Amino acid sequence: MPVSLGLSPTLGYSQYTGVAGVPRISTHVPADFSKLLFSGVWGIGVATQKVNLNQIPFGRDVHSLVLRQDGSVYHNNEEKNRLPANSIPQEGDIVGITYDHVELNMFLNGKNMHCPASGIRGTVFPVVYVDDSAILDCQFSEFYYTPPQGFEKILFEQQIF
């Protein structure tokens, strides 16, 4: 079941924790996965408001850029990058993601995986999906690992009149 988080498109970092099959995410705001137990299909990344939330896996169109459970990063139905073979998130790992309005970057247990992906355009929001009995725990503040320099927690959008 896909889930879209209504957060503002700001620079930040997020962390995700997976329980019974799910990871954590972030944008030029950070994200982390913690205690991952994978038993299903999941993805995390960024998407525009035009993404079809009923069509998973995300990354099939120009409206989403996501890391999938197999370590692949997809946008517009193209594999944009892939985590190193020995770095696919496993039970107990913490996965972090950053997005700086250009590149999506992935971190495993605080270490940069050096597999950036880009291509999405416009205003984007954090996005998470799970299916096939996967469970995902997301953390957008109070991270397990310090966010990379220049990144901070996702800020909620506020209007001041």
C-alpha atoms as a PDB file:
ATOM      1  CA  MET A   1       0.000   0.000   0.000  1.00  0.00           C
ATOM      2  CA  PRO A   2       1.645   3.269  -1.079  1.00  0.00           C
ATOM      3  CA  VAL A   3       1.844   6.093   1.404  1.00  0.00           C
ATOM      4  CA  SER A   4       2.635   9.704   0.628  1.00  0.00           C
ATOM      5  CA  LEU A   5       3.888  11.866   3.437  1.00  0.00           C
ATOM      6  CA  GLY A   6       2.577  15.440   3.330  1.00  0.00           C
ATOM      7  CA  LEU A   7       5.816  17.231   4.081  1.00  0.00           C
ATOM      8  CA  SER A   8       7.216  20.387   2.592  1.00  0.00           C
ATOM      9  CA  PRO A   9       9.815  20.191  -0.176  1.00  0.00           C
ATOM     10  CA  THR A  10      12.749  21.505   1.839  1.00  0.00           C
ATOM     11  CA  LEU A  11      16.336  20.456   2.218  1.00  0.00           C
ATOM     12  CA  GLY A  12      16.768  17.798   4.837  1.00  0.00           C
ATOM     13  CA  TYR A  13      17.666  14.329   5.983  1.00  0.00           C
ATOM     14  CA  SER A  14      15.497  11.421   7.135  1.00  0.00           C
ATOM     15  CA  GLN A  15      16.101   7.987   8.591  1.00  0.00           C
ATOM     16  CA  TYR A  16      13.940   4.902   8.251  1.00  0.00           C
ATOM     17  CA  THR A  17      13.580   1.838  10.375  1.00  0.00           C
ATOM     18  CA  GLY A  18      12.250  -1.348   8.903  1.00  0.00           C
ATOM     19  CA  VAL A  19      10.224  -3.722  11.005  1.00  0.00           C
ATOM     20  CA  ALA A  20       9.156  -7.017   9.438  1.00  0.00           C
ATOM     21  CA  GLY A  21      10.340  -5.914   6.057  1.00  0.00           C
ATOM     22  CA  VAL A  22      10.805  -2.158   5.620  1.00  0.00           C
ATOM     23  CA  PRO A  23      13.447   0.672   5.509  1.00  0.00           C
ATOM     24  CA  ARG A  24      13.674   4.449   6.286  1.00  0.00           C
ATOM     25  CA  ILE A  25      14.179   7.571   3.988  1.00  0.00           C
ATOM     26  CA  SER A  26      15.110  11.302   3.555  1.00  0.00           C
ATOM     27  CA  THR A  27      15.500  14.328   1.212  1.00  0.00           C
ATOM     28  CA  HIS A  28      18.050  17.265   1.302  1.00  0.00           C
ATOM     29  CA  VAL A  29      16.561  16.582   4.439  1.00  0.00           C
ATOM     30  CA  PRO A  30      17.913  13.236   5.713  1.00  0.00           C
ATOM     31  CA  ALA A  31      16.313   9.824   6.288  1.00  0.00           C
ATOM     32  CA  ASP A  32      17.329   6.500   7.910  1.00  0.00           C
ATOM     33  CA  PHE A  33      16.318   2.826   8.004  1.00  0.00           C
ATOM     34  CA  SER A  34      16.802   1.036  11.301  1.00  0.00           C
ATOM     35  CA  LYS A  35      16.525  -2.622  12.201  1.00  0.00           C
ATOM     36  CA  LEU A  36      15.365  -3.634   8.754  1.00  0.00           C
ATOM     37  CA  LEU A  37      13.471  -6.869   8.365  1.00  0.00           C
ATOM     38  CA  PHE A  38      12.609  -7.366   4.709  1.00  0.00           C
ATOM     39  CA  SER A  39       9.777  -9.661   3.833  1.00  0.00           C
ATOM     40  CA  GLY A  40       8.083  -7.701   1.111  1.00  0.00           C
ATOM     41  CA  VAL A  41       8.254  -4.958  -1.457  1.00  0.00           C
ATOM     42  CA  TRP A  42       9.230  -1.422  -0.446  1.00  0.00           C
ATOM     43  CA  GLY A  43      10.608   1.809  -1.825  1.00  0.00           C
ATOM     44  CA  ILE A  44      11.609   5.228  -0.554  1.00  0.00           C
ATOM     45  CA  GLY A  45      12.578   8.442  -2.263  1.00  0.00           C
ATOM     46  CA  VAL A  46      10.961  11.581  -3.601  1.00  0.00           C
ATOM     47  CA  ALA A  47       7.965  12.240  -5.842  1.00  0.00           C
ATOM     48  CA  THR A  48       5.933  15.102  -7.254  1.00  0.00           C
ATOM     49  CA  GLN A  49       2.261  15.550  -6.415  1.00  0.00           C
ATOM     50  CA  LYS A  50       1.443  14.007  -9.810  1.00  0.00           C
ATOM     51  CA  VAL A  51       2.764  10.527  -8.900  1.00  0.00           C
ATOM     52  CA  ASN A  52       0.148   7.784  -9.183  1.00  0.00           C
ATOM     53  CA  LEU A  53      -0.026   6.467  -5.610  1.00  0.00           C
ATOM     54  CA  ASN A  54      -1.906   3.371  -6.804  1.00  0.00           C
ATOM     55  CA  GLN A  55       0.850   2.148  -9.132  1.00  0.00           C
ATOM     56  CA  ILE A  56       3.806   0.531  -7.422  1.00  0.00           C
ATOM     57  CA  PRO A  57       6.665   0.126  -7.592  1.00  0.00           C
ATOM     58  CA  PHE A  58       7.355   3.846  -7.868  1.00  0.00           C
ATOM     59  CA  GLY A  59      10.040   4.989 -10.281  1.00  0.00           C
ATOM     60  CA  ARG A  60       8.034   3.967 -13.365  1.00  0.00           C
ATOM     61  CA  ASP A  61       7.383   7.543 -14.494  1.00  0.00           C
ATOM     62  CA  VAL A  62       8.865  11.052 -14.403  1.00  0.00           C
ATOM     63  CA  HIS A  63       7.042  11.805 -11.141  1.00  0.00           C
ATOM     64  CA  SER A  64       9.113   9.630  -8.762  1.00  0.00           C
ATOM     65  CA  LEU A  65      12.737   8.768  -7.981  1.00  0.00           C
ATOM     66  CA  VAL A  66      13.051   5.868  -5.514  1.00  0.00           C
ATOM     67  CA  LEU A  67      15.359   3.328  -3.935  1.00  0.00           C
ATOM     68  CA  ARG A  68      13.734  -0.115  -4.141  1.00  0.00           C
ATOM     69  CA  GLN A  69      14.183  -3.142  -1.873  1.00  0.00           C
ATOM     70  CA  ASP A  70      16.625  -4.794  -4.322  1.00  0.00           C
ATOM     71  CA  GLY A  71      19.033  -1.833  -4.122  1.00  0.00           C
ATOM     72  CA  SER A  72      18.050  -0.350  -7.483  1.00  0.00           C
ATOM     73  CA  VAL A  73      17.201   3.330  -7.890  1.00  0.00           C
ATOM     74  CA  TYR A  74      14.511   4.028 -10.502  1.00  0.00           C
ATOM     75  CA  HIS A  75      13.160   7.105 -12.283  1.00  0.00           C
ATOM     76  CA  ASN A  76      11.068   7.184 -15.474  1.00  0.00           C
ATOM     77  CA  ASN A  77      11.231   3.371 -15.674  1.00  0.00           C
ATOM     78  CA  GLU A  78      15.037   3.495 -15.930  1.00  0.00           C
ATOM     79  CA  GLU A  79      17.522   2.142 -13.437  1.00  0.00           C
ATOM     80  CA  LYS A  80      19.497   5.278 -12.578  1.00  0.00           C
ATOM     81  CA  ASN A  81      21.908   3.587 -10.184  1.00  0.00           C
ATOM     82  CA  ARG A  82      22.247   0.617  -7.848  1.00  0.00           C
ATOM     83  CA  LEU A  83      23.685   0.055  -4.392  1.00  0.00           C
ATOM     84  CA  PRO A  84      26.886  -2.012  -4.398  1.00  0.00           C
ATOM     85  CA  ALA A  85      26.100  -5.752  -4.335  1.00  0.00           C
ATOM     86  CA  ASN A  86      27.466  -6.118  -0.799  1.00  0.00           C
ATOM     87  CA  SER A  87      25.409  -3.126   0.424  1.00  0.00           C
ATOM     88  CA  ILE A  88      21.804  -4.245  -0.033  1.00  0.00           C
ATOM     89  CA  PRO A  89      20.054  -3.316   3.248  1.00  0.00           C
ATOM     90  CA  GLN A  90      19.744  -6.287   5.589  1.00  0.00           C
ATOM     91  CA  GLU A  91      18.010  -6.853   8.904  1.00  0.00           C
ATOM     92  CA  GLY A  92      19.424  -4.449  11.492  1.00  0.00           C
ATOM     93  CA  ASP A  93      20.861  -1.973   8.956  1.00  0.00           C
ATOM     94  CA  ILE A  94      20.138   1.757   8.998  1.00  0.00           C
ATOM     95  CA  VAL A  95      19.563   3.341   5.579  1.00  0.00           C
ATOM     96  CA  GLY A  96      19.723   7.087   5.126  1.00  0.00           C
ATOM     97  CA  ILE A  97      18.693   9.115   2.106  1.00  0.00           C
ATOM     98  CA  THR A  98      19.370  12.727   1.201  1.00  0.00           C
ATOM     99  CA  TYR A  99      17.964  14.868  -1.596  1.00  0.00           C
ATOM    100  CA  ASP A 100      19.413  18.284  -2.422  1.00  0.00           C
ATOM    101  CA  HIS A 101      16.940  19.277  -5.161  1.00  0.00           C
ATOM    102  CA  VAL A 102      19.219  17.614  -7.737  1.00  0.00           C
ATOM    103  CA  GLU A 103      20.605  14.293  -6.439  1.00  0.00           C
ATOM    104  CA  LEU A 104      19.186  11.512  -4.316  1.00  0.00           C
ATOM    105  CA  ASN A 105      21.978   9.899  -2.261  1.00  0.00           C
ATOM    106  CA  MET A 106      21.878   6.747  -0.141  1.00  0.00           C
ATOM    107  CA  PHE A 107      23.714   5.913   3.077  1.00  0.00           C
ATOM    108  CA  LEU A 108      24.029   2.506   4.766  1.00  0.00           C
ATOM    109  CA  ASN A 109      24.801   2.483   8.480  1.00  0.00           C
ATOM    110  CA  GLY A 110      26.051   6.064   8.203  1.00  0.00           C
ATOM    111  CA  LYS A 111      28.339   5.370   5.211  1.00  0.00           C
ATOM    112  CA  ASN A 112      27.816   7.102   1.850  1.00  0.00           C
ATOM    113  CA  MET A 113      27.116   4.465  -0.820  1.00  0.00           C
ATOM    114  CA  HIS A 114      28.355   6.785  -3.621  1.00  0.00           C
ATOM    115  CA  CYS A 115      25.493   5.926  -5.963  1.00  0.00           C
ATOM    116  CA  PRO A 116      23.682   9.218  -6.636  1.00  0.00           C
ATOM    117  CA  ALA A 117      20.607   9.381  -8.843  1.00  0.00           C
ATOM    118  CA  SER A 118      18.915  12.358 -10.448  1.00  0.00           C
ATOM    119  CA  GLY A 119      16.392  13.289 -13.117  1.00  0.00           C
ATOM    120  CA  ILE A 120      13.218  14.264 -11.267  1.00  0.00           C
ATOM    121  CA  ARG A 121      12.082  17.868 -11.806  1.00  0.00           C
ATOM    122  CA  GLY A 122       9.857  20.263  -9.918  1.00  0.00           C
ATOM    123  CA  THR A 123       8.652  20.375  -6.343  1.00  0.00           C
ATOM    124  CA  VAL A 124       9.079  16.994  -4.685  1.00  0.00           C
ATOM    125  CA  PHE A 125       8.018  15.412  -1.412  1.00  0.00           C
ATOM    126  CA  PRO A 126       9.276  12.378   0.505  1.00  0.00           C
ATOM    127  CA  VAL A 127       7.474   9.216  -0.584  1.00  0.00           C
ATOM    128  CA  VAL A 128       7.344   5.711   0.863  1.00  0.00           C
ATOM    129  CA  TYR A 129       5.545   2.589  -0.320  1.00  0.00           C
ATOM    130  CA  VAL A 130       5.219  -0.919   1.039  1.00  0.00           C
ATOM    131  CA  ASP A 131       3.519  -4.048  -0.311  1.00  0.00           C
ATOM    132  CA  ASP A 132       3.533  -7.803   0.089  1.00  0.00           C
ATOM    133  CA  SER A 133       3.541  -7.703   3.937  1.00  0.00           C
ATOM    134  CA  ALA A 134       6.442  -5.243   4.224  1.00  0.00           C
ATOM    135  CA  ILE A 135       6.534  -2.862   7.178  1.00  0.00           C
ATOM    136  CA  LEU A 136       8.455   0.435   7.136  1.00  0.00           C
ATOM    137  CA  ASP A 137       9.348   2.669  10.046  1.00  0.00           C
ATOM    138  CA  CYS A 138      10.306   6.206   8.975  1.00  0.00           C
ATOM    139  CA  GLN A 139      12.251   8.722  11.019  1.00  0.00           C
ATOM    140  CA  PHE A 140      12.534  12.360   9.968  1.00  0.00           C
ATOM    141  CA  SER A 141      14.329  13.659  13.079  1.00  0.00           C
ATOM    142  CA  GLU A 142      16.405  12.297  15.981  1.00  0.00           C
ATOM    143  CA  PHE A 143      18.488  10.184  13.611  1.00  0.00           C
ATOM    144  CA  TYR A 144      20.644   7.189  14.436  1.00  0.00           C
ATOM    145  CA  TYR A 145      23.513   8.672  12.420  1.00  0.00           C
ATOM    146  CA  THR A 146      24.423  12.322  12.056  1.00  0.00           C
ATOM    147  CA  PRO A 147      23.104  13.703   8.745  1.00  0.00           C
ATOM    148  CA  PRO A 148      25.727  14.694   6.170  1.00  0.00           C
ATOM    149  CA  GLN A 149      26.992  18.266   6.390  1.00  0.00           C
ATOM    150  CA  GLY A 150      24.453  20.727   4.996  1.00  0.00           C
ATOM    151  CA  PHE A 151      21.434  18.508   5.707  1.00  0.00           C
ATOM    152  CA  GLU A 152      18.900  18.734   8.508  1.00  0.00           C
ATOM    153  CA  LYS A 153      15.553  17.268   9.482  1.00  0.00           C
ATOM    154  CA  ILE A 154      12.588  17.785   7.168  1.00  0.00           C
ATOM    155  CA  LEU A 155      10.696  20.922   8.049  1.00  0.00           C
ATOM    156  CA  PHE A 156       6.917  20.893   7.971  1.00  0.00           C
ATOM    157  CA  GLU A 157       5.386  23.521   5.748  1.00  0.00           C
ATOM    158  CA  GLN A 158       3.759  26.386   7.623  1.00  0.00           C
ATOM    159  CA  GLN A 159       1.904  29.441   6.461  1.00  0.00           C
ATOM    160  CA  ILE A 160       2.128  32.706   8.346  1.00  0.00           C
ATOM    161  CA  PHE A 161      -0.477  35.321   7.542  1.00  0.00           C
END
